[in-house]
């Protein structure tokens, strides 16, 4: 089983920093390439750019009373939640 995970190409877990505008403020976010790909996929499904999706996500988190101290961690959890939901939806079909 470890071979499945350990053989992940290095390019997938190399971190990439992107400058993103959230509510008009430019910030840098550093995530692994695979997480950026997942965020791009989610954004595409939502019909918005990655920047627009991240801005909406940040705004909604603050509306629900969440302190967003580590936005990169929130984004990783969002990616995993999206994949879990997608998996559950497929098995229920």
PDB file of N, CA and C in Angstrom:
ATOM      1  N   UNK A   1       0.822  -1.191   0.000  1.00  0.00           N
ATOM      2  CA  UNK A   1       0.000   0.000   0.000  1.00  0.00           C
ATOM      3  C   UNK A   1       0.868   1.258   0.000  1.00  0.00           C
ATOM      4  N   UNK A   2       1.962   1.266   0.722  1.00  0.00           N
ATOM      5  CA  UNK A   2       2.812   2.458   0.787  1.00  0.00           C
ATOM      6  C   UNK A   2       3.329   2.859  -0.580  1.00  0.00           C
ATOM      7  N   UNK A   3       3.506   1.896  -1.461  1.00  0.00           N
ATOM      8  CA  UNK A   3       4.012   2.194  -2.799  1.00  0.00           C
ATOM      9  C   UNK A   3       3.072   3.163  -3.526  1.00  0.00           C
ATOM     10  N   UNK A   4       1.776   3.000  -3.308  1.00  0.00           N
ATOM     11  CA  UNK A   4       0.801   3.896  -3.949  1.00  0.00           C
ATOM     12  C   UNK A   4       1.086   5.335  -3.554  1.00  0.00           C
ATOM     13  N   UNK A   5       1.339   5.571  -2.304  1.00  0.00           N
ATOM     14  CA  UNK A   5       1.541   6.926  -1.798  1.00  0.00           C
ATOM     15  C   UNK A   5       2.986   7.385  -1.973  1.00  0.00           C
ATOM     16  N   UNK A   6       3.914   6.524  -1.676  1.00  0.00           N
ATOM     17  CA  UNK A   6       5.325   6.896  -1.741  1.00  0.00           C
ATOM     18  C   UNK A   6       5.796   7.134  -3.176  1.00  0.00           C
ATOM     19  N   UNK A   7       5.089   6.572  -4.142  1.00  0.00           N
ATOM     20  CA  UNK A   7       5.485   6.751  -5.540  1.00  0.00           C
ATOM     21  C   UNK A   7       4.859   7.995  -6.171  1.00  0.00           C
ATOM     22  N   UNK A   8       4.211   8.823  -5.364  1.00  0.00           N
ATOM     23  CA  UNK A   8       3.637  10.063  -5.881  1.00  0.00           C
ATOM     24  C   UNK A   8       4.753  10.911  -6.488  1.00  0.00           C
ATOM     25  N   UNK A   9       4.562  11.360  -7.715  1.00  0.00           N
ATOM     26  CA  UNK A   9       5.612  12.173  -8.350  1.00  0.00           C
ATOM     27  C   UNK A   9       5.920  13.432  -7.527  1.00  0.00           C
ATOM     28  N   UNK A  10       7.184  13.739  -7.423  1.00  0.00           N
ATOM     29  CA  UNK A  10       7.633  14.888  -6.629  1.00  0.00           C
ATOM     30  C   UNK A  10       6.931  16.177  -7.052  1.00  0.00           C
ATOM     31  N   UNK A  11       6.648  16.316  -8.327  1.00  0.00           N
ATOM     32  CA  UNK A  11       5.997  17.522  -8.844  1.00  0.00           C
ATOM     33  C   UNK A  11       4.645  17.768  -8.181  1.00  0.00           C
ATOM     34  N   UNK A  12       4.014  16.733  -7.677  1.00  0.00           N
ATOM     35  CA  UNK A  12       2.697  16.865  -7.054  1.00  0.00           C
ATOM     36  C   UNK A  12       2.754  17.477  -5.658  1.00  0.00           C
ATOM     37  N   UNK A  13       3.847  17.256  -4.949  1.00  0.00           N
ATOM     38  CA  UNK A  13       3.908  17.764  -3.577  1.00  0.00           C
ATOM     39  C   UNK A  13       4.905  18.904  -3.386  1.00  0.00           C
ATOM     40  N   UNK A  14       5.464  19.373  -4.474  1.00  0.00           N
ATOM     41  CA  UNK A  14       6.288  20.572  -4.402  1.00  0.00           C
ATOM     42  C   UNK A  14       5.358  21.751  -4.128  1.00  0.00           C
ATOM     43  N   UNK A  15       5.780  22.643  -3.250  1.00  0.00           N
ATOM     44  CA  UNK A  15       4.935  23.787  -2.942  1.00  0.00           C
ATOM     45  C   UNK A  15       5.090  24.879  -3.990  1.00  0.00           C
ATOM     46  N   UNK A  16       3.973  25.542  -4.259  1.00  0.00           N
ATOM     47  CA  UNK A  16       3.952  26.639  -5.218  1.00  0.00           C
ATOM     48  C   UNK A  16       3.265  27.821  -4.555  1.00  0.00           C
ATOM     49  N   UNK A  17       3.873  28.979  -4.660  1.00  0.00           N
ATOM     50  CA  UNK A  17       3.294  30.193  -4.098  1.00  0.00           C
ATOM     51  C   UNK A  17       2.587  30.956  -5.208  1.00  0.00           C
ATOM     52  N   UNK A  18       1.363  31.362  -4.917  1.00  0.00           N
ATOM     53  CA  UNK A  18       0.604  32.172  -5.864  1.00  0.00           C
ATOM     54  C   UNK A  18       0.162  33.459  -5.176  1.00  0.00           C
ATOM     55  N   UNK A  19       0.148  34.524  -5.951  1.00  0.00           N
ATOM     56  CA  UNK A  19      -0.418  35.778  -5.460  1.00  0.00           C
ATOM     57  C   UNK A  19      -1.891  35.794  -5.828  1.00  0.00           C
ATOM     58  N   UNK A  20      -2.712  35.981  -4.828  1.00  0.00           N
ATOM     59  CA  UNK A  20      -4.166  35.968  -5.005  1.00  0.00           C
ATOM     60  C   UNK A  20      -4.729  37.248  -4.412  1.00  0.00           C
ATOM     61  N   UNK A  21      -5.720  37.812  -5.072  1.00  0.00           N
ATOM     62  CA  UNK A  21      -6.395  38.999  -4.563  1.00  0.00           C
ATOM     63  C   UNK A  21      -7.661  38.555  -3.830  1.00  0.00           C
ATOM     64  N   UNK A  22      -7.699  38.843  -2.539  1.00  0.00           N
ATOM     65  CA  UNK A  22      -8.873  38.520  -1.721  1.00  0.00           C
ATOM     66  C   UNK A  22      -9.447  39.826  -1.201  1.00  0.00           C
ATOM     67  N   UNK A  23     -10.654  40.117  -1.633  1.00  0.00           N
ATOM     68  CA  UNK A  23     -11.324  41.373  -1.254  1.00  0.00           C
ATOM     69  C   UNK A  23     -10.459  42.591  -1.564  1.00  0.00           C
ATOM     70  N   UNK A  24      -9.806  42.558  -2.716  1.00  0.00           N
ATOM     71  CA  UNK A  24      -8.999  43.684  -3.156  1.00  0.00           C
ATOM     72  C   UNK A  24      -7.597  43.738  -2.584  1.00  0.00           C
ATOM     73  N   UNK A  25      -7.265  42.814  -1.693  1.00  0.00           N
ATOM     74  CA  UNK A  25      -5.940  42.795  -1.073  1.00  0.00           C
ATOM     75  C   UNK A  25      -5.144  41.635  -1.660  1.00  0.00           C
ATOM     76  N   UNK A  26      -3.961  41.934  -2.158  1.00  0.00           N
ATOM     77  CA  UNK A  26      -3.116  40.885  -2.729  1.00  0.00           C
ATOM     78  C   UNK A  26      -2.383  40.180  -1.596  1.00  0.00           C
ATOM     79  N   UNK A  27      -2.456  38.862  -1.610  1.00  0.00           N
ATOM     80  CA  UNK A  27      -1.763  38.050  -0.614  1.00  0.00           C
ATOM     81  C   UNK A  27      -1.106  36.869  -1.310  1.00  0.00           C
ATOM     82  N   UNK A  28      -0.120  36.308  -0.689  1.00  0.00           N
ATOM     83  CA  UNK A  28       0.543  35.122  -1.233  1.00  0.00           C
ATOM     84  C   UNK A  28       0.095  33.898  -0.463  1.00  0.00           C
ATOM     85  N   UNK A  29      -0.203  32.844  -1.199  1.00  0.00           N
ATOM     86  CA  UNK A  29      -0.610  31.581  -0.593  1.00  0.00           C
ATOM     87  C   UNK A  29       0.300  30.491  -1.134  1.00  0.00           C
ATOM     88  N   UNK A  30       0.818  29.688  -0.221  1.00  0.00           N
ATOM     89  CA  UNK A  30       1.731  28.613  -0.611  1.00  0.00           C
ATOM     90  C   UNK A  30       1.071  27.279  -0.321  1.00  0.00           C
ATOM     91  N   UNK A  31       0.862  26.503  -1.382  1.00  0.00           N
ATOM     92  CA  UNK A  31       0.257  25.174  -1.286  1.00  0.00           C
ATOM     93  C   UNK A  31       0.995  24.221  -2.214  1.00  0.00           C
ATOM     94  N   UNK A  32       0.828  22.948  -1.958  1.00  0.00           N
ATOM     95  CA  UNK A  32       1.369  21.933  -2.848  1.00  0.00           C
ATOM     96  C   UNK A  32       0.614  21.989  -4.175  1.00  0.00           C
ATOM     97  N   UNK A  33       1.313  21.634  -5.254  1.00  0.00           N
ATOM     98  CA  UNK A  33       0.745  21.704  -6.602  1.00  0.00           C
ATOM     99  C   UNK A  33      -0.570  20.924  -6.701  1.00  0.00           C
ATOM    100  N   UNK A  34      -0.629  19.765  -6.080  1.00  0.00           N
ATOM    101  CA  UNK A  34      -1.857  18.968  -6.160  1.00  0.00           C
ATOM    102  C   UNK A  34      -3.050  19.709  -5.568  1.00  0.00           C
ATOM    103  N   UNK A  35      -2.841  20.433  -4.468  1.00  0.00           N
ATOM    104  CA  UNK A  35      -3.937  21.202  -3.881  1.00  0.00           C
ATOM    105  C   UNK A  35      -4.373  22.335  -4.807  1.00  0.00           C
ATOM    106  N   UNK A  36      -3.422  22.985  -5.477  1.00  0.00           N
ATOM    107  CA  UNK A  36      -3.801  24.028  -6.440  1.00  0.00           C
ATOM    108  C   UNK A  36      -4.662  23.434  -7.556  1.00  0.00           C
ATOM    109  N   UNK A  37      -4.306  22.225  -8.004  1.00  0.00           N
ATOM    110  CA  UNK A  37      -5.100  21.580  -9.056  1.00  0.00           C
ATOM    111  C   UNK A  37      -6.531  21.309  -8.592  1.00  0.00           C
ATOM    112  N   UNK A  38      -6.658  20.856  -7.358  1.00  0.00           N
ATOM    113  CA  UNK A  38      -7.993  20.580  -6.818  1.00  0.00           C
ATOM    114  C   UNK A  38      -8.785  21.879  -6.713  1.00  0.00           C
ATOM    115  N   UNK A  39      -8.161  22.945  -6.237  1.00  0.00           N
ATOM    116  CA  UNK A  39      -8.843  24.242  -6.140  1.00  0.00           C
ATOM    117  C   UNK A  39      -9.255  24.757  -7.515  1.00  0.00           C
ATOM    118  N   UNK A  40      -8.426  24.529  -8.515  1.00  0.00           N
ATOM    119  CA  UNK A  40      -8.787  24.914  -9.882  1.00  0.00           C
ATOM    120  C   UNK A  40     -10.016  24.139 -10.350  1.00  0.00           C
ATOM    121  N   UNK A  41     -10.060  22.861 -10.020  1.00  0.00           N
ATOM    122  CA  UNK A  41     -11.204  22.025 -10.400  1.00  0.00           C
ATOM    123  C   UNK A  41     -12.484  22.479  -9.702  1.00  0.00           C
ATOM    124  N   UNK A  42     -12.384  22.759  -8.409  1.00  0.00           N
ATOM    125  CA  UNK A  42     -13.551  23.243  -7.658  1.00  0.00           C
ATOM    126  C   UNK A  42     -14.033  24.561  -8.250  1.00  0.00           C
ATOM    127  N   UNK A  43     -13.105  25.469  -8.514  1.00  0.00           N
ATOM    128  CA  UNK A  43     -13.454  26.779  -9.072  1.00  0.00           C
ATOM    129  C   UNK A  43     -14.142  26.631 -10.418  1.00  0.00           C
ATOM    130  N   UNK A  44     -13.623  25.733 -11.227  1.00  0.00           N
ATOM    131  CA  UNK A  44     -14.220  25.493 -12.546  1.00  0.00           C
ATOM    132  C   UNK A  44     -15.659  24.984 -12.402  1.00  0.00           C
ATOM    133  N   UNK A  45     -15.866  24.044 -11.473  1.00  0.00           N
ATOM    134  CA  UNK A  45     -17.230  23.544 -11.230  1.00  0.00           C
ATOM    135  C   UNK A  45     -18.161  24.654 -10.769  1.00  0.00           C
ATOM    136  N   UNK A  46     -17.614  25.598 -10.000  1.00  0.00           N
ATOM    137  CA  UNK A  46     -18.413  26.717  -9.486  1.00  0.00           C
ATOM    138  C   UNK A  46     -18.591  27.820 -10.540  1.00  0.00           C
ATOM    139  N   UNK A  47     -17.823  27.736 -11.615  1.00  0.00           N
ATOM    140  CA  UNK A  47     -17.935  28.718 -12.692  1.00  0.00           C
ATOM    141  C   UNK A  47     -17.274  30.052 -12.375  1.00  0.00           C
ATOM    142  N   UNK A  48     -16.235  30.018 -11.545  1.00  0.00           N
ATOM    143  CA  UNK A  48     -15.524  31.239 -11.164  1.00  0.00           C
ATOM    144  C   UNK A  48     -14.018  31.013 -11.257  1.00  0.00           C
ATOM    145  N   UNK A  49     -13.269  32.096 -11.166  1.00  0.00           N
ATOM    146  CA  UNK A  49     -11.816  31.971 -11.124  1.00  0.00           C
ATOM    147  C   UNK A  49     -11.391  31.471  -9.749  1.00  0.00           C
ATOM    148  N   UNK A  50     -10.153  31.009  -9.655  1.00  0.00           N
ATOM    149  CA  UNK A  50      -9.628  30.569  -8.356  1.00  0.00           C
ATOM    150  C   UNK A  50      -9.655  31.737  -7.374  1.00  0.00           C
ATOM    151  N   UNK A  51      -9.262  32.919  -7.829  1.00  0.00           N
ATOM    152  CA  UNK A  51      -9.276  34.097  -6.955  1.00  0.00           C
ATOM    153  C   UNK A  51     -10.670  34.411  -6.430  1.00  0.00           C
ATOM    154  N   UNK A  52     -11.656  34.348  -7.308  1.00  0.00           N
ATOM    155  CA  UNK A  52     -13.040  34.618  -6.889  1.00  0.00           C
ATOM    156  C   UNK A  52     -13.524  33.549  -5.908  1.00  0.00           C
ATOM    157  N   UNK A  53     -13.175  32.297  -6.166  1.00  0.00           N
ATOM    158  CA  UNK A  53     -13.577  31.225  -5.261  1.00  0.00           C
ATOM    159  C   UNK A  53     -12.950  31.417  -3.881  1.00  0.00           C
ATOM    160  N   UNK A  54     -11.648  31.735  -3.841  1.00  0.00           N
ATOM    161  CA  UNK A  54     -10.972  31.917  -2.563  1.00  0.00           C
ATOM    162  C   UNK A  54     -11.522  33.123  -1.811  1.00  0.00           C
ATOM    163  N   UNK A  55     -11.851  34.184  -2.522  1.00  0.00           N
ATOM    164  CA  UNK A  55     -12.457  35.356  -1.871  1.00  0.00           C
ATOM    165  C   UNK A  55     -13.802  34.997  -1.256  1.00  0.00           C
ATOM    166  N   UNK A  56     -14.623  34.277  -2.011  1.00  0.00           N
ATOM    167  CA  UNK A  56     -15.935  33.858  -1.504  1.00  0.00           C
ATOM    168  C   UNK A  56     -15.766  32.956  -0.293  1.00  0.00           C
ATOM    169  N   UNK A  57     -14.858  32.020  -0.381  1.00  0.00           N
ATOM    170  CA  UNK A  57     -14.603  31.099   0.725  1.00  0.00           C
ATOM    171  C   UNK A  57     -14.167  31.862   1.978  1.00  0.00           C
ATOM    172  N   UNK A  58     -13.248  32.795   1.818  1.00  0.00           N
ATOM    173  CA  UNK A  58     -12.769  33.591   2.945  1.00  0.00           C
ATOM    174  C   UNK A  58     -13.918  34.387   3.559  1.00  0.00           C
ATOM    175  N   UNK A  59     -14.708  35.035   2.705  1.00  0.00           N
ATOM    176  CA  UNK A  59     -15.843  35.839   3.202  1.00  0.00           C
ATOM    177  C   UNK A  59     -16.863  34.977   3.933  1.00  0.00           C
ATOM    178  N   UNK A  60     -17.190  33.831   3.363  1.00  0.00           N
ATOM    179  CA  UNK A  60     -18.166  32.953   4.001  1.00  0.00           C
ATOM    180  C   UNK A  60     -17.644  32.423   5.333  1.00  0.00           C
ATOM    181  N   UNK A  61     -16.367  32.109   5.398  1.00  0.00           N
ATOM    182  CA  UNK A  61     -15.796  31.622   6.658  1.00  0.00           C
ATOM    183  C   UNK A  61     -15.927  32.687   7.743  1.00  0.00           C
ATOM    184  N   UNK A  62     -15.672  33.930   7.396  1.00  0.00           N
ATOM    185  CA  UNK A  62     -15.783  34.993   8.401  1.00  0.00           C
ATOM    186  C   UNK A  62     -17.233  35.255   8.771  1.00  0.00           C
ATOM    187  N   UNK A  63     -18.149  35.119   7.817  1.00  0.00           N
ATOM    188  CA  UNK A  63     -19.579  35.295   8.111  1.00  0.00           C
ATOM    189  C   UNK A  63     -20.048  34.238   9.111  1.00  0.00           C
ATOM    190  N   UNK A  64     -19.545  33.019   8.978  1.00  0.00           N
ATOM    191  CA  UNK A  64     -19.927  31.938   9.887  1.00  0.00           C
ATOM    192  C   UNK A  64     -19.151  31.980  11.205  1.00  0.00           C
ATOM    193  N   UNK A  65     -18.389  33.051  11.410  1.00  0.00           N
ATOM    194  CA  UNK A  65     -17.713  33.246  12.681  1.00  0.00           C
ATOM    195  C   UNK A  65     -16.386  32.535  12.833  1.00  0.00           C
ATOM    196  N   UNK A  66     -15.835  32.043  11.734  1.00  0.00           N
ATOM    197  CA  UNK A  66     -14.543  31.363  11.804  1.00  0.00           C
ATOM    198  C   UNK A  66     -13.422  32.391  11.738  1.00  0.00           C
ATOM    199  N   UNK A  67     -12.442  32.224  12.594  1.00  0.00           N
ATOM    200  CA  UNK A  67     -11.231  33.028  12.487  1.00  0.00           C
ATOM    201  C   UNK A  67     -10.319  32.320  11.505  1.00  0.00           C
ATOM    202  N   UNK A  68      -9.945  32.999  10.470  1.00  0.00           N
ATOM    203  CA  UNK A  68      -9.107  32.393   9.440  1.00  0.00           C
ATOM    204  C   UNK A  68      -7.658  32.777   9.717  1.00  0.00           C
ATOM    205  N   UNK A  69      -7.055  32.102  10.687  1.00  0.00           N
ATOM    206  CA  UNK A  69      -5.676  32.380  11.057  1.00  0.00           C
ATOM    207  C   UNK A  69      -4.687  31.724  10.103  1.00  0.00           C
ATOM    208  N   UNK A  70      -5.082  30.601   9.516  1.00  0.00           N
ATOM    209  CA  UNK A  70      -4.201  29.882   8.597  1.00  0.00           C
ATOM    210  C   UNK A  70      -5.019  29.488   7.373  1.00  0.00           C
ATOM    211  N   UNK A  71      -5.093  30.411   6.415  1.00  0.00           N
ATOM    212  CA  UNK A  71      -5.927  30.209   5.243  1.00  0.00           C
ATOM    213  C   UNK A  71      -5.457  29.019   4.414  1.00  0.00           C
ATOM    214  N   UNK A  72      -4.150  28.796   4.333  1.00  0.00           N
ATOM    215  CA  UNK A  72      -3.627  27.653   3.567  1.00  0.00           C
ATOM    216  C   UNK A  72      -4.134  26.341   4.150  1.00  0.00           C
ATOM    217  N   UNK A  73      -4.180  26.243   5.475  1.00  0.00           N
ATOM    218  CA  UNK A  73      -4.707  25.022   6.101  1.00  0.00           C
ATOM    219  C   UNK A  73      -6.183  24.855   5.795  1.00  0.00           C
ATOM    220  N   UNK A  74      -6.930  25.953   5.850  1.00  0.00           N
ATOM    221  CA  UNK A  74      -8.349  25.887   5.490  1.00  0.00           C
ATOM    222  C   UNK A  74      -8.505  25.384   4.057  1.00  0.00           C
ATOM    223  N   UNK A  75      -7.665  25.870   3.156  1.00  0.00           N
ATOM    224  CA  UNK A  75      -7.766  25.447   1.756  1.00  0.00           C
ATOM    225  C   UNK A  75      -7.467  23.961   1.585  1.00  0.00           C
ATOM    226  N   UNK A  76      -6.502  23.446   2.327  1.00  0.00           N
ATOM    227  CA  UNK A  76      -6.218  22.012   2.251  1.00  0.00           C
ATOM    228  C   UNK A  76      -7.422  21.201   2.727  1.00  0.00           C
ATOM    229  N   UNK A  77      -8.042  21.649   3.806  1.00  0.00           N
ATOM    230  CA  UNK A  77      -9.215  20.943   4.329  1.00  0.00           C
ATOM    231  C   UNK A  77     -10.372  21.051   3.338  1.00  0.00           C
ATOM    232  N   UNK A  78     -10.536  22.191   2.703  1.00  0.00           N
ATOM    233  CA  UNK A  78     -11.582  22.357   1.678  1.00  0.00           C
ATOM    234  C   UNK A  78     -11.356  21.357   0.542  1.00  0.00           C
ATOM    235  N   UNK A  79     -10.115  21.191   0.123  1.00  0.00           N
ATOM    236  CA  UNK A  79      -9.808  20.232  -0.948  1.00  0.00           C
ATOM    237  C   UNK A  79     -10.179  18.814  -0.540  1.00  0.00           C
ATOM    238  N   UNK A  80      -9.802  18.434   0.664  1.00  0.00           N
ATOM    239  CA  UNK A  80     -10.109  17.084   1.141  1.00  0.00           C
ATOM    240  C   UNK A  80     -11.612  16.896   1.286  1.00  0.00           C
ATOM    241  N   UNK A  81     -12.291  17.905   1.807  1.00  0.00           N
ATOM    242  CA  UNK A  81     -13.749  17.835   1.956  1.00  0.00           C
ATOM    243  C   UNK A  81     -14.412  17.675   0.598  1.00  0.00           C
ATOM    244  N   UNK A  82     -13.926  18.408  -0.388  1.00  0.00           N
ATOM    245  CA  UNK A  82     -14.478  18.302  -1.734  1.00  0.00           C
ATOM    246  C   UNK A  82     -14.297  16.892  -2.299  1.00  0.00           C
ATOM    247  N   UNK A  83     -13.098  16.334  -2.114  1.00  0.00           N
ATOM    248  CA  UNK A  83     -12.845  14.975  -2.606  1.00  0.00           C
ATOM    249  C   UNK A  83     -13.693  13.943  -1.874  1.00  0.00           C
ATOM    250  N   UNK A  84     -13.841  14.095  -0.565  1.00  0.00           N
ATOM    251  CA  UNK A  84     -14.680  13.168   0.208  1.00  0.00           C
ATOM    252  C   UNK A  84     -16.132  13.239  -0.248  1.00  0.00           C
ATOM    253  N   UNK A  85     -16.639  14.449  -0.434  1.00  0.00           N
ATOM    254  CA  UNK A  85     -18.017  14.640  -0.868  1.00  0.00           C
ATOM    255  C   UNK A  85     -18.232  14.034  -2.241  1.00  0.00           C
ATOM    256  N   UNK A  86     -17.282  14.265  -3.133  1.00  0.00           N
ATOM    257  CA  UNK A  86     -17.354  13.705  -4.479  1.00  0.00           C
ATOM    258  C   UNK A  86     -17.380  12.190  -4.440  1.00  0.00           C
ATOM    259  N   UNK A  87     -16.578  11.607  -3.590  1.00  0.00           N
ATOM    260  CA  UNK A  87     -16.507  10.151  -3.443  1.00  0.00           C
ATOM    261  C   UNK A  87     -17.826   9.605  -2.905  1.00  0.00           C
ATOM    262  N   UNK A  88     -18.367  10.256  -1.894  1.00  0.00           N
ATOM    263  CA  UNK A  88     -19.645   9.823  -1.310  1.00  0.00           C
ATOM    264  C   UNK A  88     -20.762   9.930  -2.334  1.00  0.00           C
ATOM    265  N   UNK A  89     -20.775  11.046  -3.083  1.00  0.00           N
ATOM    266  CA  UNK A  89     -21.810  11.231  -4.108  1.00  0.00           C
ATOM    267  C   UNK A  89     -21.753  10.146  -5.166  1.00  0.00           C
ATOM    268  N   UNK A  90     -20.555   9.736  -5.547  1.00  0.00           N
ATOM    269  CA  UNK A  90     -20.419   8.682  -6.567  1.00  0.00           C
ATOM    270  C   UNK A  90     -20.916   7.333  -6.052  1.00  0.00           C
ATOM    271  N   UNK A  91     -20.664   7.041  -4.792  1.00  0.00           N
ATOM    272  CA  UNK A  91     -21.068   5.744  -4.257  1.00  0.00           C
ATOM    273  C   UNK A  91     -22.567   5.673  -3.998  1.00  0.00           C
ATOM    274  N   UNK A  92     -23.213   6.827  -3.865  1.00  0.00           N
ATOM    275  CA  UNK A  92     -24.666   6.852  -3.631  1.00  0.00           C
ATOM    276  C   UNK A  92     -25.444   6.801  -4.934  1.00  0.00           C
ATOM    277  N   UNK A  93     -24.763   7.064  -6.062  1.00  0.00           N
ATOM    278  CA  UNK A  93     -25.477   7.111  -7.338  1.00  0.00           C
ATOM    279  C   UNK A  93     -25.889   5.739  -7.812  1.00  0.00           C
TER     280      UNK A  93
END
